[in-house]
Amino acid sequence: MAEQNTCHYNETMKFFYNQSGGDDKWDTTQLILVQVVGSIFCCFILVSNVMVIAAVITNKRFHYPFYYLLSNLAASDFLAGIAYVYLMFNTGEVSRQLTVTGYFIRQGLLDISLSASLANLLVIALERYISVMSWKVHSNLTKRRVTLLIVLVWAISIFMGAVPSLGWNCICNLNTCSKLAPIFSRSYLIFWSVSNLVVFLIMVSIYLRIYAYVKKKTAMLMPHTSGSINRKRTPMKLMKTVLVVLGAFVICWTPGLVVLLMDGLNCENCHVMKLKRWLLLLAVLNSVMNPCIYSYKDEEMWATFKNLMRCIGNGTRRQRSTNANSKPLSSGHDTGNSQPPSEEMKNDEGLLKN
């Protein structure tokens, strides 16, 4: 009993894996496959979400509360990409050599990114509710309120990610350790999974109410219009984008939360460790899907992406041309005359200014 009440902060994770019975050993081929595929996905996650944020910043048509919150969701996906890279290269045999602090950092990054994504989706659901109930494409939230919401999202997310390191762990009580996260208490896993599943249900109920209201409102307005309602100018357009994002999030994360709940309930016959590695790739896939959904469902977003890529390409060509013109003449003499800029250079400069 005395040993169970002793705190083990100086032990490596190998000690906790042995105590909890959780086996984090990977087959070499599987580990390499997950790291290669995961790295490709993570590179796409980082680049594409930076482009989403850049699109919202550069395009004035996106300077509305919905798109500010959408860019914050992209920021949480960007953090998820960083967390996945750190996790993939600190798993398997490497994870057994981690210190307690290193493990808290690894899991904390994941928990913060998940909490931020979930909180962002909830805030976007509330913003859509406000705008739809007033039958407007965008809500009347001021930039100050949107900024406060964004700050609140990250404050809550950081706190949720730090909870285990603040004391809700099993370092001093090994009997309560989980298998999936050997220094996290099973009670914490129950709290984490149930709270997230409840938020899922709240968001789904909000969007079902919004959808029912929009369908009813559209049916009422249809007889009084000369033609079909222009869907691009109704709240339904943006709501469909969010519904697809929410659906992808629920599909990709619900299996992982259910497995966490089973581990928290100490299910002996659930084989949670065998499911762990594949659920990780499913979670990574969610962050890959979001930028694709934005560009596919929002024509303006896709057009802005193409403009950004075109500007990057033009800037690269302009830089190469500038470097070539800055080289000294082969004769070694300065003629005193400078060549006028070419038509291609002028066109490139015009594009960049635009």
Protein backbone atom coordinates (compact mmCIF):
# COMPACT_ATOMS: atom_id res chain seq x y z
CA MET A 1 0.00 0.00 0.00
CA ALA A 2 2.84 2.37 0.82
CA GLU A 3 4.31 1.77 -2.62
CA GLN A 4 1.00 2.59 -4.30
CA ASN A 5 0.84 5.97 -2.50
CA THR A 6 4.40 6.88 -3.46
CA CYS A 7 4.76 9.47 -6.21
CA HIS A 8 6.90 8.45 -9.20
CA TYR A 9 7.73 11.72 -10.93
CA ASN A 10 11.34 10.66 -11.59
CA GLU A 11 10.44 7.46 -13.44
CA THR A 12 10.44 7.08 -17.22
CA MET A 13 7.28 6.07 -19.09
CA LYS A 14 8.58 2.48 -19.31
CA PHE A 15 7.81 2.13 -15.61
CA PHE A 16 4.19 3.31 -16.06
CA TYR A 17 3.60 1.16 -19.16
CA ASN A 18 4.75 -1.90 -17.19
CA GLN A 19 2.57 -0.99 -14.22
CA SER A 20 -0.59 -0.32 -16.25
CA GLY A 21 -0.21 -3.33 -18.53
CA GLY A 22 -0.42 -1.11 -21.61
CA ASP A 23 1.84 -2.31 -24.42
CA ASP A 24 2.91 0.51 -26.76
CA LYS A 25 5.21 -1.68 -28.83
CA TRP A 26 4.82 -1.27 -32.58
CA ASP A 27 5.74 -3.56 -35.42
CA THR A 28 8.61 -1.86 -37.28
CA THR A 29 6.80 -1.95 -40.64
CA GLN A 30 3.60 -0.53 -39.15
CA LEU A 31 5.49 2.24 -37.36
CA ILE A 32 7.36 3.29 -40.51
CA LEU A 33 4.12 3.22 -42.53
CA VAL A 34 2.30 5.37 -39.98
CA GLN A 35 5.20 7.83 -39.76
CA VAL A 36 5.56 8.19 -43.56
CA VAL A 37 1.84 8.51 -44.29
CA GLY A 38 1.32 10.66 -41.21
CA SER A 39 4.18 12.99 -42.16
CA ILE A 40 2.69 13.54 -45.63
CA PHE A 41 -0.68 14.30 -44.07
CA CYS A 42 0.87 16.64 -41.50
CA CYS A 43 2.75 18.62 -44.16
CA PHE A 44 -0.55 19.10 -46.00
CA ILE A 45 -2.28 20.08 -42.72
CA LEU A 46 0.32 22.74 -41.91
CA VAL A 47 0.47 24.28 -45.41
CA SER A 48 -3.26 24.18 -46.16
CA ASN A 49 -4.33 25.68 -42.84
CA VAL A 50 -1.80 28.49 -43.19
CA MET A 51 -3.42 29.19 -46.57
CA VAL A 52 -6.88 29.28 -44.94
CA ILE A 53 -5.68 31.84 -42.39
CA ALA A 54 -3.92 33.86 -45.12
CA ALA A 55 -7.08 33.78 -47.26
CA VAL A 56 -9.19 35.21 -44.44
CA ILE A 57 -6.61 37.93 -43.75
CA THR A 58 -6.07 39.00 -47.37
CA ASN A 59 -9.62 38.79 -48.74
CA LYS A 60 -11.87 41.55 -47.40
CA ARG A 61 -14.95 39.51 -48.31
CA PHE A 62 -13.99 37.19 -45.45
CA HIS A 63 -13.81 39.94 -42.84
CA TYR A 64 -16.89 38.71 -40.98
CA PRO A 65 -17.35 36.87 -37.66
CA PHE A 66 -17.97 33.49 -39.32
CA TYR A 67 -14.71 33.54 -41.26
CA TYR A 68 -12.69 34.87 -38.31
CA LEU A 69 -13.91 31.90 -36.29
CA LEU A 70 -13.24 29.60 -39.25
CA SER A 71 -9.63 30.84 -39.40
CA ASN A 72 -9.34 30.13 -35.67
CA LEU A 73 -10.51 26.58 -36.38
CA ALA A 74 -7.76 26.40 -39.01
CA ALA A 75 -5.28 27.57 -36.35
CA SER A 76 -6.36 24.71 -34.08
CA ASP A 77 -5.90 22.27 -36.99
CA PHE A 78 -2.43 23.76 -37.54
CA LEU A 79 -1.60 23.06 -33.89
CA ALA A 80 -3.00 19.54 -34.36
CA GLY A 81 -0.54 19.03 -37.25
CA ILE A 82 2.35 19.98 -34.97
CA ALA A 83 0.99 17.73 -32.21
CA TYR A 84 0.67 14.77 -34.60
CA VAL A 85 4.28 15.16 -35.82
CA TYR A 86 5.53 15.27 -32.23
CA LEU A 87 3.39 12.26 -31.31
CA MET A 88 4.34 10.10 -34.30
CA PHE A 89 8.06 10.48 -33.67
CA ASN A 90 7.68 9.97 -29.92
CA THR A 91 5.64 6.79 -30.00
CA GLY A 92 6.46 3.10 -30.00
CA GLU A 93 9.72 2.26 -28.24
CA VAL A 94 10.63 5.96 -28.01
CA SER A 95 7.57 6.68 -25.85
CA ARG A 96 8.87 4.28 -23.19
CA GLN A 97 11.96 6.46 -22.78
CA LEU A 98 10.01 9.70 -22.30
CA THR A 99 10.05 11.46 -18.96
CA VAL A 100 6.80 12.31 -17.19
CA THR A 101 7.15 15.93 -18.32
CA GLY A 102 7.81 14.87 -21.92
CA TYR A 103 4.70 12.70 -21.90
CA PHE A 104 2.57 15.52 -20.47
CA ILE A 105 3.79 17.77 -23.30
CA ARG A 106 3.03 15.13 -25.94
CA GLN A 107 -0.50 14.49 -24.72
CA GLY A 108 -1.10 18.13 -23.77
CA LEU A 109 -0.56 19.31 -27.35
CA LEU A 110 -3.12 16.78 -28.58
CA ASP A 111 -5.65 17.69 -25.88
CA ILE A 112 -5.27 21.42 -26.50
CA SER A 113 -5.75 21.05 -30.26
CA LEU A 114 -8.81 18.81 -29.81
CA SER A 115 -10.32 21.14 -27.19
CA ALA A 116 -9.68 24.16 -29.45
CA SER A 117 -11.32 22.44 -32.44
CA LEU A 118 -14.33 21.42 -30.39
CA ALA A 119 -14.69 24.84 -28.75
CA ASN A 120 -14.37 26.57 -32.14
CA LEU A 121 -17.08 24.38 -33.64
CA LEU A 122 -19.36 25.16 -30.69
CA VAL A 123 -18.76 28.92 -31.02
CA ILE A 124 -19.35 28.74 -34.80
CA ALA A 125 -22.60 26.85 -34.11
CA LEU A 126 -23.74 29.66 -31.80
CA GLU A 127 -22.71 32.31 -34.38
CA ARG A 128 -24.68 30.48 -37.08
CA TYR A 129 -27.67 30.24 -34.73
CA ILE A 130 -27.62 34.01 -34.11
CA SER A 131 -27.33 34.85 -37.81
CA VAL A 132 -29.93 32.35 -39.03
CA MET A 133 -32.53 33.30 -36.44
CA SER A 134 -32.24 36.91 -37.65
CA TRP A 135 -32.20 35.60 -41.27
CA LYS A 136 -28.84 37.16 -42.08
CA VAL A 137 -25.83 35.69 -43.84
CA HIS A 138 -23.54 37.06 -41.12
CA SER A 139 -24.19 37.84 -37.48
CA ASN A 140 -23.81 41.28 -35.92
CA LEU A 141 -21.00 40.22 -33.58
CA THR A 142 -18.41 42.99 -33.33
CA LYS A 143 -14.71 42.38 -33.90
CA ARG A 144 -14.11 42.98 -30.18
CA ARG A 145 -16.57 40.24 -29.21
CA VAL A 146 -15.14 37.85 -31.78
CA THR A 147 -11.65 38.52 -30.42
CA LEU A 148 -12.85 37.84 -26.88
CA LEU A 149 -14.45 34.58 -28.04
CA ILE A 150 -11.21 33.50 -29.71
CA VAL A 151 -9.20 34.32 -26.58
CA LEU A 152 -11.74 32.43 -24.45
CA VAL A 153 -11.51 29.39 -26.76
CA TRP A 154 -7.74 29.18 -26.37
CA ALA A 155 -7.80 29.88 -22.62
CA ILE A 156 -10.24 27.00 -22.05
CA SER A 157 -8.30 24.73 -24.41
CA ILE A 158 -4.96 25.36 -22.73
CA PHE A 159 -6.53 24.76 -19.32
CA MET A 160 -8.12 21.48 -20.47
CA GLY A 161 -4.80 20.33 -21.91
CA ALA A 162 -3.00 21.17 -18.68
CA VAL A 163 -5.46 19.49 -16.29
CA PRO A 164 -3.58 16.15 -16.03
CA SER A 165 -0.26 17.88 -15.33
CA LEU A 166 -1.97 20.03 -12.67
CA GLY A 167 -2.81 16.95 -10.59
CA TRP A 168 -5.51 14.82 -12.19
CA ASN A 169 -3.18 11.91 -12.87
CA CYS A 170 -2.17 8.59 -11.35
CA ILE A 171 1.50 9.24 -10.67
CA CYS A 172 0.87 8.87 -6.95
CA ASN A 173 -1.82 6.19 -7.24
CA LEU A 174 -0.84 3.51 -9.77
CA ASN A 175 -4.02 1.48 -9.24
CA THR A 176 -6.05 4.12 -11.11
CA CYS A 177 -3.77 4.34 -14.19
CA SER A 178 -5.29 3.82 -17.64
CA LYS A 179 -3.74 1.73 -20.43
CA LEU A 180 -3.97 4.21 -23.31
CA ALA A 181 -2.40 7.01 -21.26
CA PRO A 182 -0.45 5.31 -18.46
CA ILE A 183 -0.07 8.39 -16.24
CA PHE A 184 -3.67 9.59 -16.72
CA SER A 185 -6.30 8.47 -14.23
CA ARG A 186 -9.17 6.41 -15.59
CA SER A 187 -11.56 8.90 -13.99
CA TYR A 188 -10.02 11.67 -16.10
CA LEU A 189 -10.51 9.66 -19.30
CA ILE A 190 -14.17 9.15 -18.39
CA PHE A 191 -14.60 12.89 -17.77
CA TRP A 192 -12.76 13.81 -20.98
CA SER A 193 -14.64 11.43 -23.28
CA VAL A 194 -18.10 12.01 -21.80
CA SER A 195 -17.75 15.82 -21.80
CA ASN A 196 -16.68 15.82 -25.45
CA LEU A 197 -19.48 13.47 -26.48
CA VAL A 198 -22.00 15.71 -24.67
CA VAL A 199 -20.67 18.75 -26.59
CA PHE A 200 -21.10 16.75 -29.82
CA LEU A 201 -24.75 16.16 -28.95
CA ILE A 202 -25.28 19.86 -28.11
CA MET A 203 -23.84 20.97 -31.46
CA VAL A 204 -25.86 18.43 -33.40
CA SER A 205 -29.05 19.59 -31.65
CA ILE A 206 -28.24 23.25 -32.44
CA TYR A 207 -27.74 22.51 -36.12
CA LEU A 208 -30.87 20.38 -36.31
CA ARG A 209 -32.84 23.31 -34.90
CA ILE A 210 -31.17 25.69 -37.38
CA TYR A 211 -31.86 23.37 -40.29
CA ALA A 212 -35.52 22.98 -39.35
CA TYR A 213 -35.91 26.76 -39.03
CA VAL A 214 -34.26 27.45 -42.41
CA LYS A 215 -36.37 24.85 -44.19
CA LYS A 216 -39.54 26.32 -42.65
CA LYS A 217 -38.51 29.90 -43.46
CA THR A 218 -37.61 28.99 -47.05
CA ALA A 219 -40.95 27.24 -47.55
CA MET A 220 -42.76 30.37 -46.29
CA LEU A 221 -40.81 32.74 -48.55
CA MET A 222 -40.91 30.65 -51.71
CA PRO A 223 -44.51 31.52 -52.76
CA HIS A 224 -43.76 35.24 -52.39
CA THR A 225 -40.70 35.30 -54.64
CA SER A 226 -40.67 35.62 -58.40
CA GLY A 227 -38.11 32.84 -58.73
CA SER A 228 -36.05 30.51 -56.65
CA ILE A 229 -34.32 32.00 -53.63
CA ASN A 230 -30.71 32.82 -54.35
CA ARG A 231 -29.00 30.34 -52.10
CA LYS A 232 -25.73 32.26 -52.21
CA ARG A 233 -27.43 35.08 -50.34
CA THR A 234 -29.09 32.94 -47.66
CA PRO A 235 -27.55 31.63 -44.41
CA MET A 236 -28.02 28.08 -45.71
CA LYS A 237 -24.88 28.35 -47.87
CA LEU A 238 -22.45 28.84 -44.98
CA MET A 239 -24.37 26.49 -42.72
CA LYS A 240 -23.87 23.59 -45.13
CA THR A 241 -20.11 24.14 -44.98
CA VAL A 242 -20.15 24.01 -41.18
CA LEU A 243 -22.41 20.93 -41.19
CA VAL A 244 -19.93 19.03 -43.35
CA VAL A 245 -17.03 20.12 -41.11
CA LEU A 246 -18.96 19.09 -37.99
CA GLY A 247 -19.95 15.76 -39.54
CA ALA A 248 -16.34 14.97 -40.45
CA PHE A 249 -15.21 15.91 -36.93
CA VAL A 250 -17.81 13.70 -35.25
CA ILE A 251 -17.08 10.73 -37.55
CA CYS A 252 -13.30 10.98 -37.08
CA TRP A 253 -13.23 11.63 -33.33
CA THR A 254 -16.18 9.68 -31.92
CA PRO A 255 -14.49 6.24 -32.24
CA GLY A 256 -11.45 7.53 -30.35
CA LEU A 257 -13.58 9.04 -27.59
CA VAL A 258 -15.54 5.78 -27.24
CA VAL A 259 -12.29 3.84 -26.92
CA LEU A 260 -11.06 6.31 -24.27
CA LEU A 261 -14.34 5.81 -22.40
CA MET A 262 -13.94 2.02 -22.53
CA ASP A 263 -10.42 2.34 -21.15
CA GLY A 264 -11.66 4.68 -18.43
CA LEU A 265 -14.28 2.10 -17.46
CA ASN A 266 -11.47 -0.48 -17.25
CA CYS A 267 -12.87 -2.74 -19.96
CA GLU A 268 -10.62 -5.78 -19.95
CA ASN A 269 -11.92 -7.40 -23.15
CA CYS A 270 -12.01 -4.29 -25.35
CA HIS A 271 -8.41 -4.53 -26.68
CA VAL A 272 -8.05 -0.75 -26.63
CA MET A 273 -4.30 -0.80 -27.36
CA LYS A 274 -4.84 -2.54 -30.71
CA LEU A 275 -7.19 0.23 -31.84
CA LYS A 276 -4.99 3.11 -30.67
CA ARG A 277 -2.67 3.44 -33.69
CA TRP A 278 -5.45 3.39 -36.31
CA LEU A 279 -7.58 5.86 -34.42
CA LEU A 280 -4.59 8.20 -34.51
CA LEU A 281 -4.57 8.15 -38.32
CA LEU A 282 -8.34 8.72 -38.34
CA ALA A 283 -7.85 11.82 -36.18
CA VAL A 284 -5.10 13.06 -38.52
CA LEU A 285 -7.44 12.54 -41.47
CA ASN A 286 -9.95 14.94 -39.91
CA SER A 287 -7.46 17.82 -39.97
CA VAL A 288 -6.62 16.91 -43.59
CA MET A 289 -10.28 17.04 -44.60
CA ASN A 290 -11.17 20.48 -43.20
CA PRO A 291 -9.23 22.67 -45.70
CA CYS A 292 -10.55 20.49 -48.53
CA ILE A 293 -14.10 21.06 -47.29
CA TYR A 294 -13.57 24.84 -47.08
CA SER A 295 -12.32 25.06 -50.66
CA TYR A 296 -14.88 22.63 -52.10
CA LYS A 297 -17.96 24.09 -50.41
CA ASP A 298 -16.90 27.76 -50.66
CA GLU A 299 -16.12 28.99 -54.18
CA GLU A 300 -14.73 32.29 -52.91
CA MET A 301 -12.31 30.46 -50.63
CA TRP A 302 -11.09 28.27 -53.50
CA ALA A 303 -10.63 31.35 -55.72
CA THR A 304 -8.60 33.01 -52.97
CA PHE A 305 -6.44 29.88 -52.61
CA LYS A 306 -5.67 29.99 -56.35
CA ASN A 307 -4.80 33.69 -56.15
CA LEU A 308 -2.44 33.06 -53.23
CA MET A 309 -0.70 30.22 -55.07
CA ARG A 310 -0.45 32.38 -58.20
CA CYS A 311 1.11 35.23 -56.22
CA ILE A 312 3.59 32.85 -54.60
CA GLY A 313 4.55 31.49 -58.03
CA ASN A 314 4.90 34.98 -59.51
CA GLY A 315 6.95 36.11 -56.53
CA THR A 316 9.31 33.15 -56.95
CA ARG A 317 9.82 33.88 -60.65
CA ARG A 318 10.36 37.57 -59.91
CA GLN A 319 12.97 36.73 -57.28
CA ARG A 320 14.86 34.46 -59.70
CA SER A 321 14.76 37.16 -62.36
CA THR A 322 16.03 39.78 -59.91
CA ASN A 323 18.92 37.56 -58.84
CA ALA A 324 19.87 36.95 -62.46
CA ASN A 325 19.87 40.68 -63.29
CA SER A 326 21.97 41.47 -60.21
CA LYS A 327 24.91 39.32 -61.42
CA PRO A 328 28.00 41.27 -62.71
CA LEU A 329 28.63 41.53 -66.45
CA SER A 330 30.93 38.88 -67.89
CA SER A 331 33.27 41.53 -69.38
CA GLY A 332 33.88 43.03 -65.98
CA HIS A 333 33.10 46.59 -67.24
CA ASP A 334 30.20 48.72 -66.13
CA THR A 335 28.54 50.19 -69.21
CA GLY A 336 26.61 52.72 -67.13
CA ASN A 337 23.41 51.70 -68.85
CA SER A 338 20.71 49.67 -67.10
CA GLN A 339 18.33 47.41 -68.99
CA PRO A 340 14.67 48.43 -68.77
CA PRO A 341 12.42 45.93 -67.07
CA SER A 342 10.92 43.31 -69.34
CA GLU A 343 7.22 43.04 -70.04
CA GLU A 344 7.12 39.81 -67.98
CA MET A 345 8.64 41.64 -65.02
CA LYS A 346 6.09 44.44 -65.33
CA ASN A 347 3.24 41.95 -65.46
CA ASP A 348 4.61 40.11 -62.42
CA GLU A 349 4.92 43.36 -60.46
CA GLY A 350 1.38 44.33 -61.41
CA LEU A 351 0.05 41.00 -60.20
CA LEU A 352 1.88 41.30 -56.91
CA LYS A 353 0.54 44.81 -56.33
CA ASN A 354 -2.95 43.60 -57.02
